[in-house]
Amino acid sequence: MEHERDLMSRLNEGSVICAEGYLFELERRGYLSAGAYVPEVVLDHPEVVSQLHHDFVHAGSDVVEAFTYYAHREKLRQIGKEDLLEPMNRQALQIAKKVSKKTNTLLAGNICNTNTYIEGDPESYKFVRTMYDEQIGWAIDSGVDYIIAETIDFLGEAKIALEAIKETNLPAVVTLAIHRTGVTRDHFSPENACKQLEDAGADVVGLNCTRGPDTMLPLLKPICEALTCPVAALPVAYRTNTIEPTFQSLHDRLCNCIPDNRPFPTALDPFTCNRYEIHEFTRSAIDLGVKYFGLCCGTSPHHVRSMAEALGRQPPSSRYAPNMDLHSFLGTSEVIRKEDRDYKSKQFGDDL
């Protein structure tokens, strides 16, 4: 596709935002089933996917990422719908391409963790590579600007993904998911794994998913120090902490009705980051040297807008940024009745 600037040119000039988080957002909206998380919505309700792409661009995303996460052969096999593999991928890419063309944003193809990689098993390596080649081939047919390999927790699998992408001569963005152990599943530190991916030819390397802003930031510092290529940071939009560093490990001690007492993945609502926390994360990541930004599971458009504004931008949705001067009780404008302003302390408990 033709754009004023390609991915690497944009990164040379500044930062890039790639909004993600389609799985959780569309599950919340009632268009995708939690569990298998296969994006059948691209076939069942393409208009909903298109609108979410538009919403993320409106909020400040520079990239429309095709919703092909978990649209690989293994996932389709698990739900007994391998016949939908190619139609699902081509449809997702076509939806994203239309939005990208209309909004003059970058178009990204997407591959991800396969859940079939077995360390030390050459047969699994072949199967993983075959799945990646299928999805990458359809992405190339659609004219993507670059390809993202994301949420991969084995360095070995990430290298297979990178090898497949590099054969296309398109830029490769590779991001790892780091679980509670603090290392990849094949026991490499995040900075070591990222450095190996850079040395193997990845154009952008970093982390996505699994960890929220507070527990991803400490991992980013040594990565930024070790790498010379642009570093990516796309946390989940949840309040993880040092004791529970991933959103899978969070526990809600104020609720006793969650199945299996496990908030992940369908009862994470109380842990959702607010827009100000995303703003603070973005500013901190800028200081570390991160160039490729985004957000993963749990993300809504207002989070993306906050990230964009932290980067000094004013996306179209900033026109509707909060203006509390006109709030019925919190407002300070003279158009607000004095009786309502005076009632503020009782309404909000400021007198307690």
Protein backbone atom coordinates (compact mmCIF):
# COMPACT_ATOMS: atom_id res chain seq x y z
CA MET A 1 0.00 0.00 0.00
CA GLU A 2 1.08 3.57 -0.62
CA HIS A 3 1.38 5.88 2.37
CA GLU A 4 3.15 9.16 2.99
CA ARG A 5 5.52 7.31 5.34
CA ASP A 6 6.03 3.61 5.96
CA LEU A 7 6.41 2.07 9.41
CA MET A 8 10.16 2.47 9.74
CA SER A 9 10.11 6.03 8.38
CA ARG A 10 7.49 6.96 10.95
CA LEU A 11 9.53 5.37 13.72
CA ASN A 12 12.64 7.24 12.56
CA GLU A 13 10.68 10.47 12.88
CA GLY A 14 8.83 9.71 16.10
CA SER A 15 6.49 7.21 17.69
CA VAL A 16 3.82 4.89 16.35
CA ILE A 17 0.64 3.73 18.09
CA CYS A 18 -0.88 0.35 17.22
CA ALA A 19 -4.15 -0.29 19.03
CA GLU A 20 -4.86 -3.92 19.91
CA GLY A 21 -7.19 -5.63 22.37
CA TYR A 22 -9.84 -6.75 19.89
CA LEU A 23 -10.48 -10.09 21.58
CA PHE A 24 -11.52 -8.74 24.95
CA GLU A 25 -13.36 -5.70 23.63
CA LEU A 26 -15.47 -7.74 21.22
CA GLU A 27 -16.13 -10.39 23.88
CA ARG A 28 -17.41 -7.66 26.22
CA ARG A 29 -19.66 -6.37 23.45
CA GLY A 30 -21.16 -9.84 22.96
CA TYR A 31 -19.68 -10.77 19.60
CA LEU A 32 -16.99 -13.29 20.57
CA SER A 33 -16.86 -16.26 22.92
CA ALA A 34 -14.36 -16.27 25.78
CA GLY A 35 -12.38 -19.48 26.00
CA ALA A 36 -11.41 -20.45 22.49
CA TYR A 37 -11.38 -16.74 21.55
CA VAL A 38 -11.58 -17.51 17.83
CA PRO A 39 -12.46 -14.31 15.90
CA GLU A 40 -15.54 -15.69 14.13
CA VAL A 41 -16.96 -12.19 14.46
CA VAL A 42 -15.11 -11.18 11.29
CA LEU A 43 -17.44 -13.49 9.39
CA ASP A 44 -20.56 -13.12 11.52
CA HIS A 45 -20.50 -9.36 12.09
CA PRO A 46 -17.89 -7.68 9.88
CA GLU A 47 -19.52 -4.30 10.47
CA VAL A 48 -18.74 -4.54 14.19
CA VAL A 49 -15.06 -5.25 13.56
CA SER A 50 -14.90 -2.42 11.03
CA GLN A 51 -16.41 0.00 13.53
CA LEU A 52 -13.91 -0.98 16.22
CA HIS A 53 -11.07 -0.38 13.76
CA HIS A 54 -12.54 3.07 13.10
CA ASP A 55 -12.96 3.73 16.82
CA PHE A 56 -9.30 2.95 17.51
CA VAL A 57 -8.11 5.18 14.64
CA HIS A 58 -10.45 7.95 15.84
CA ALA A 59 -8.76 7.61 19.25
CA GLY A 60 -5.26 7.93 17.81
CA SER A 61 -4.03 4.60 16.42
CA ASP A 62 -1.66 4.94 13.47
CA VAL A 63 -2.23 1.33 12.49
CA VAL A 64 -5.16 -0.89 11.59
CA GLU A 65 -4.18 -4.37 12.65
CA ALA A 66 -6.11 -7.13 10.92
CA PHE A 67 -8.04 -9.16 13.46
CA THR A 68 -6.43 -12.51 12.71
CA TYR A 69 -5.22 -13.20 16.23
CA TYR A 70 -6.13 -16.84 17.03
CA ALA A 71 -7.38 -17.29 13.47
CA HIS A 72 -4.75 -19.94 12.83
CA ARG A 73 -5.23 -23.59 11.87
CA GLU A 74 -4.83 -25.02 15.38
CA LYS A 75 -7.53 -22.79 16.85
CA LEU A 76 -9.93 -23.54 14.00
CA ARG A 77 -9.21 -27.25 14.44
CA GLN A 78 -10.10 -27.02 18.12
CA ILE A 79 -13.57 -25.66 17.35
CA GLY A 80 -14.10 -27.99 14.40
CA LYS A 81 -14.14 -25.28 11.76
CA GLU A 82 -10.92 -25.63 9.77
CA ASP A 83 -12.97 -25.00 6.63
CA LEU A 84 -13.29 -21.38 7.79
CA LEU A 85 -9.54 -20.82 8.10
CA GLU A 86 -8.92 -19.08 4.79
CA PRO A 87 -12.27 -17.22 4.60
CA MET A 88 -11.80 -15.91 8.15
CA ASN A 89 -8.30 -14.63 7.48
CA ARG A 90 -9.11 -13.08 4.12
CA GLN A 91 -12.23 -11.41 5.50
CA ALA A 92 -10.37 -9.98 8.50
CA LEU A 93 -7.67 -8.60 6.23
CA GLN A 94 -10.22 -7.13 3.83
CA ILE A 95 -12.09 -5.39 6.66
CA ALA A 96 -8.86 -3.89 7.99
CA LYS A 97 -7.68 -2.88 4.52
CA LYS A 98 -10.84 -0.91 3.83
CA VAL A 99 -10.51 1.02 7.07
CA SER A 100 -6.77 1.56 6.54
CA LYS A 101 -7.36 2.93 3.05
CA LYS A 102 -10.17 5.20 4.19
CA THR A 103 -8.20 6.61 7.14
CA ASN A 104 -4.74 6.63 5.52
CA THR A 105 -3.30 4.52 8.30
CA LEU A 106 -0.84 1.64 8.14
CA LEU A 107 -2.19 -1.86 7.59
CA ALA A 108 -0.64 -4.65 9.66
CA GLY A 109 -0.95 -8.38 9.28
CA ASN A 110 -0.93 -10.48 12.42
CA ILE A 111 0.30 -13.86 13.59
CA CYS A 112 0.52 -15.02 17.18
CA ASN A 113 1.26 -17.78 19.67
CA THR A 114 0.12 -21.12 18.29
CA ASN A 115 -0.05 -23.21 21.47
CA THR A 116 1.49 -26.05 19.47
CA TYR A 117 5.18 -25.22 19.84
CA ILE A 118 7.08 -27.88 21.78
CA GLU A 119 10.66 -27.10 22.73
CA GLY A 120 13.05 -29.62 21.21
CA ASP A 121 10.44 -31.13 18.86
CA PRO A 122 11.30 -30.53 15.18
CA GLU A 123 7.87 -31.76 14.07
CA SER A 124 6.18 -29.06 16.09
CA TYR A 125 8.53 -26.50 14.55
CA LYS A 126 7.38 -27.57 11.08
CA PHE A 127 3.72 -27.36 12.05
CA VAL A 128 4.18 -23.90 13.57
CA ARG A 129 5.99 -22.68 10.47
CA THR A 130 3.26 -24.07 8.21
CA MET A 131 0.58 -22.21 10.17
CA TYR A 132 2.55 -18.98 10.04
CA ASP A 133 3.19 -19.33 6.32
CA GLU A 134 -0.53 -19.74 5.67
CA GLN A 135 -1.52 -16.59 7.50
CA ILE A 136 1.40 -14.56 6.19
CA GLY A 137 0.55 -15.57 2.64
CA TRP A 138 -2.97 -14.24 2.95
CA ALA A 139 -1.62 -11.05 4.55
CA ILE A 140 0.75 -10.52 1.63
CA ASP A 141 -2.13 -11.01 -0.81
CA SER A 142 -3.98 -8.23 0.98
CA GLY A 143 -1.08 -5.79 0.65
CA VAL A 144 -0.17 -5.27 4.30
CA ASP A 145 2.53 -2.74 5.18
CA TYR A 146 4.15 -4.89 7.82
CA ILE A 147 3.50 -8.00 9.90
CA ILE A 148 3.19 -8.37 13.65
CA ALA A 149 4.09 -11.56 15.52
CA GLU A 150 2.69 -11.12 19.01
CA THR A 151 1.99 -12.68 22.40
CA ILE A 152 4.63 -15.36 21.88
CA ASP A 153 6.09 -16.78 25.07
CA PHE A 154 8.79 -19.07 23.61
CA LEU A 155 11.82 -17.39 22.06
CA GLY A 156 12.10 -20.41 19.78
CA GLU A 157 8.59 -19.90 18.43
CA ALA A 158 9.22 -16.17 18.02
CA LYS A 159 12.26 -16.97 15.90
CA ILE A 160 10.16 -19.22 13.66
CA ALA A 161 7.65 -16.42 13.23
CA LEU A 162 10.43 -13.94 12.46
CA GLU A 163 12.01 -16.23 9.87
CA ALA A 164 8.67 -16.57 8.11
CA ILE A 165 8.07 -12.81 8.09
CA LYS A 166 11.58 -11.94 6.91
CA GLU A 167 11.06 -14.01 3.76
CA THR A 168 8.43 -11.46 2.70
CA ASN A 169 10.88 -8.52 2.90
CA LEU A 170 8.30 -6.63 4.96
CA PRO A 171 9.10 -5.06 8.35
CA ALA A 172 8.71 -7.48 11.24
CA VAL A 173 7.37 -6.43 14.65
CA VAL A 174 7.90 -9.19 17.21
CA THR A 175 6.57 -8.89 20.76
CA LEU A 176 6.89 -11.41 23.56
CA ALA A 177 4.54 -12.24 26.41
CA ILE A 178 6.36 -12.63 29.73
CA HIS A 179 4.49 -14.61 32.38
CA ARG A 180 4.87 -14.70 36.18
CA THR A 181 8.29 -16.33 36.00
CA GLY A 182 9.75 -13.18 34.46
CA VAL A 183 11.40 -15.12 31.62
CA THR A 184 10.29 -16.75 28.39
CA ARG A 185 9.01 -20.31 28.61
CA ASP A 186 12.35 -21.48 27.22
CA HIS A 187 14.12 -19.62 30.05
CA PHE A 188 15.55 -16.49 28.43
CA SER A 189 15.40 -13.11 30.13
CA PRO A 190 13.23 -10.57 28.27
CA GLU A 191 16.26 -8.45 27.31
CA ASN A 192 18.24 -11.50 26.13
CA ALA A 193 15.33 -12.81 24.08
CA CYS A 194 14.64 -9.39 22.56
CA LYS A 195 18.32 -8.91 21.71
CA GLN A 196 18.40 -12.27 19.95
CA LEU A 197 15.35 -11.29 17.91
CA GLU A 198 16.96 -7.98 16.95
CA ASP A 199 20.13 -9.79 15.93
CA ALA A 200 18.02 -12.19 13.85
CA GLY A 201 16.60 -9.30 11.85
CA ALA A 202 13.46 -8.08 13.62
CA ASP A 203 12.76 -4.42 12.88
CA VAL A 204 10.83 -3.72 16.09
CA VAL A 205 11.05 -5.86 19.23
CA GLY A 206 9.41 -5.68 22.63
CA LEU A 207 6.63 -6.91 24.89
CA ASN A 208 2.88 -7.21 24.67
CA CYS A 209 0.01 -8.68 26.66
CA THR A 210 0.10 -10.57 29.98
CA ARG A 211 1.47 -7.69 32.06
CA GLY A 212 -0.16 -4.40 32.94
CA PRO A 213 1.63 -1.05 32.90
CA ASP A 214 3.14 -1.28 36.38
CA THR A 215 4.72 -4.69 35.88
CA MET A 216 5.75 -4.26 32.26
CA LEU A 217 7.70 -1.05 32.87
CA PRO A 218 10.48 -2.67 34.95
CA LEU A 219 11.10 -5.17 32.14
CA LEU A 220 11.30 -2.47 29.49
CA LYS A 221 14.29 -0.63 30.96
CA PRO A 222 16.89 -3.38 30.37
CA ILE A 223 15.33 -4.11 26.97
CA CYS A 224 15.73 -0.49 25.89
CA GLU A 225 19.31 -0.51 27.16
CA ALA A 226 20.16 -3.71 25.26
CA LEU A 227 18.59 -2.91 21.89
CA THR A 228 19.33 -0.42 19.13
CA CYS A 229 16.14 -1.08 17.12
CA PRO A 230 12.80 0.51 18.10
CA VAL A 231 11.33 -1.05 21.24
CA ALA A 232 7.64 -1.94 21.50
CA ALA A 233 5.47 -1.81 24.61
CA LEU A 234 1.83 -2.93 24.56
CA PRO A 235 0.63 -3.83 28.07
CA VAL A 236 -2.79 -5.11 29.01
CA ALA A 237 -5.04 -2.41 30.42
CA TYR A 238 -5.22 -3.98 33.88
CA ARG A 239 -3.68 -3.16 37.26
CA THR A 240 -1.17 -5.90 37.78
CA ASN A 241 1.25 -5.68 40.70
CA THR A 242 4.48 -7.16 42.02
CA ILE A 243 2.65 -10.00 43.81
CA GLU A 244 0.31 -10.68 40.88
CA PRO A 245 2.38 -9.45 37.92
CA THR A 246 0.16 -10.81 35.16
CA PHE A 247 -3.55 -10.43 34.54
CA GLN A 248 -3.89 -14.21 34.64
CA SER A 249 -2.65 -14.20 38.24
CA LEU A 250 -4.95 -11.49 39.62
CA HIS A 251 -7.35 -12.36 42.45
CA ASP A 252 -10.42 -10.39 43.50
CA ARG A 253 -10.70 -10.56 47.28
CA LEU A 254 -13.87 -8.47 47.33
CA CYS A 255 -15.96 -10.86 45.26
CA ASN A 256 -16.94 -14.44 46.15
CA CYS A 257 -19.09 -15.31 43.14
CA ILE A 258 -16.47 -15.62 40.39
CA PRO A 259 -16.22 -19.12 38.87
CA ASP A 260 -13.17 -20.92 40.29
CA ASN A 261 -12.32 -17.66 42.12
CA ARG A 262 -10.30 -16.66 39.05
CA PRO A 263 -11.02 -13.20 37.53
CA PHE A 264 -9.14 -14.05 34.32
CA PRO A 265 -10.53 -13.74 31.74
CA THR A 266 -14.16 -12.74 32.28
CA ALA A 267 -14.19 -10.94 35.64
CA LEU A 268 -11.30 -8.52 35.33
CA ASP A 269 -13.49 -5.42 35.32
CA PRO A 270 -12.46 -4.15 38.79
CA PHE A 271 -8.81 -4.19 37.74
CA THR A 272 -9.22 -2.07 34.61
CA CYS A 273 -6.76 0.82 34.30
CA ASN A 274 -8.17 4.29 34.04
CA ARG A 275 -7.10 6.69 31.33
CA TYR A 276 -4.74 8.57 33.65
CA GLU A 277 -2.78 5.43 34.45
CA ILE A 278 -2.31 4.80 30.73
CA HIS A 279 -1.12 8.39 30.32
CA GLU A 280 1.45 7.89 33.10
CA PHE A 281 2.64 4.61 31.64
CA THR A 282 3.14 6.21 28.25
CA ARG A 283 5.15 9.10 29.66
CA SER A 284 7.34 6.68 31.62
CA ALA A 285 7.86 4.47 28.56
CA ILE A 286 8.82 7.50 26.48
CA ASP A 287 11.50 8.32 29.06
CA LEU A 288 12.88 4.78 28.71
CA GLY A 289 13.12 5.14 24.94
CA VAL A 290 10.10 3.14 23.75
CA LYS A 291 9.02 4.13 20.22
CA TYR A 292 6.28 1.64 19.26
CA PHE A 293 3.26 1.97 21.54
CA GLY A 294 -0.04 0.22 21.98
CA LEU A 295 -2.31 -1.57 24.38
CA CYS A 296 -3.50 -5.14 24.46
CA CYS A 297 -6.31 -7.00 26.26
CA GLY A 298 -8.75 -4.83 28.18
CA THR A 299 -8.22 -1.82 25.94
CA SER A 300 -11.02 0.53 24.99
CA PRO A 301 -10.72 3.56 22.68
CA HIS A 302 -10.44 6.03 25.57
CA HIS A 303 -7.25 4.29 26.65
CA VAL A 304 -5.79 4.75 23.18
CA ARG A 305 -6.73 8.43 23.21
CA SER A 306 -4.96 8.88 26.54
CA MET A 307 -1.85 7.23 25.10
CA ALA A 308 -1.97 9.49 22.05
CA GLU A 309 -2.38 12.60 24.19
CA ALA A 310 0.56 11.52 26.36
CA LEU A 311 2.59 11.52 23.14
CA GLY A 312 1.56 15.13 22.55
CA ARG A 313 -1.07 14.40 19.94
CA GLN A 314 -4.64 15.54 19.53
CA PRO A 315 -6.50 12.74 17.74
CA PRO A 316 -10.04 13.41 16.48
CA SER A 317 -11.55 12.03 19.69
CA SER A 318 -9.69 14.67 21.72
CA ARG A 319 -12.40 17.06 20.58
CA TYR A 320 -14.55 15.28 23.15
CA ALA A 321 -12.02 15.26 25.97
CA PRO A 322 -13.47 15.87 29.45
CA ASN A 323 -14.42 19.44 30.34
CA MET A 324 -15.36 19.31 34.01
CA ASP A 325 -15.91 23.09 34.17
CA LEU A 326 -19.41 22.38 32.90
CA HIS A 327 -20.25 19.46 35.17
CA SER A 328 -23.48 19.98 37.13
CA PHE A 329 -21.77 19.66 40.51
CA LEU A 330 -18.03 19.76 39.85
CA GLY A 331 -18.13 22.61 37.38
CA THR A 332 -16.64 26.02 38.14
CA SER A 333 -18.22 27.86 35.22
CA GLU A 334 -20.58 30.67 36.11
CA VAL A 335 -23.29 28.92 34.09
CA ILE A 336 -23.47 26.23 36.81
CA ARG A 337 -25.95 27.07 39.57
CA LYS A 338 -24.32 28.04 42.84
CA GLU A 339 -26.71 25.74 44.73
CA ASP A 340 -25.37 22.76 42.79
CA ARG A 341 -21.73 23.79 43.24
CA ASP A 342 -22.31 24.16 46.97
CA TYR A 343 -23.89 20.70 47.11
CA LYS A 344 -20.70 19.13 45.79
CA SER A 345 -19.30 18.20 49.21
CA LYS A 346 -22.44 16.25 50.10
CA GLN A 347 -22.66 14.61 46.67
CA PHE A 348 -19.04 13.43 46.58
CA GLY A 349 -18.26 13.01 50.27
CA ASP A 350 -15.74 15.83 50.39
CA ASP A 351 -17.08 16.73 53.82
CA LEU A 352 -16.24 13.33 55.31
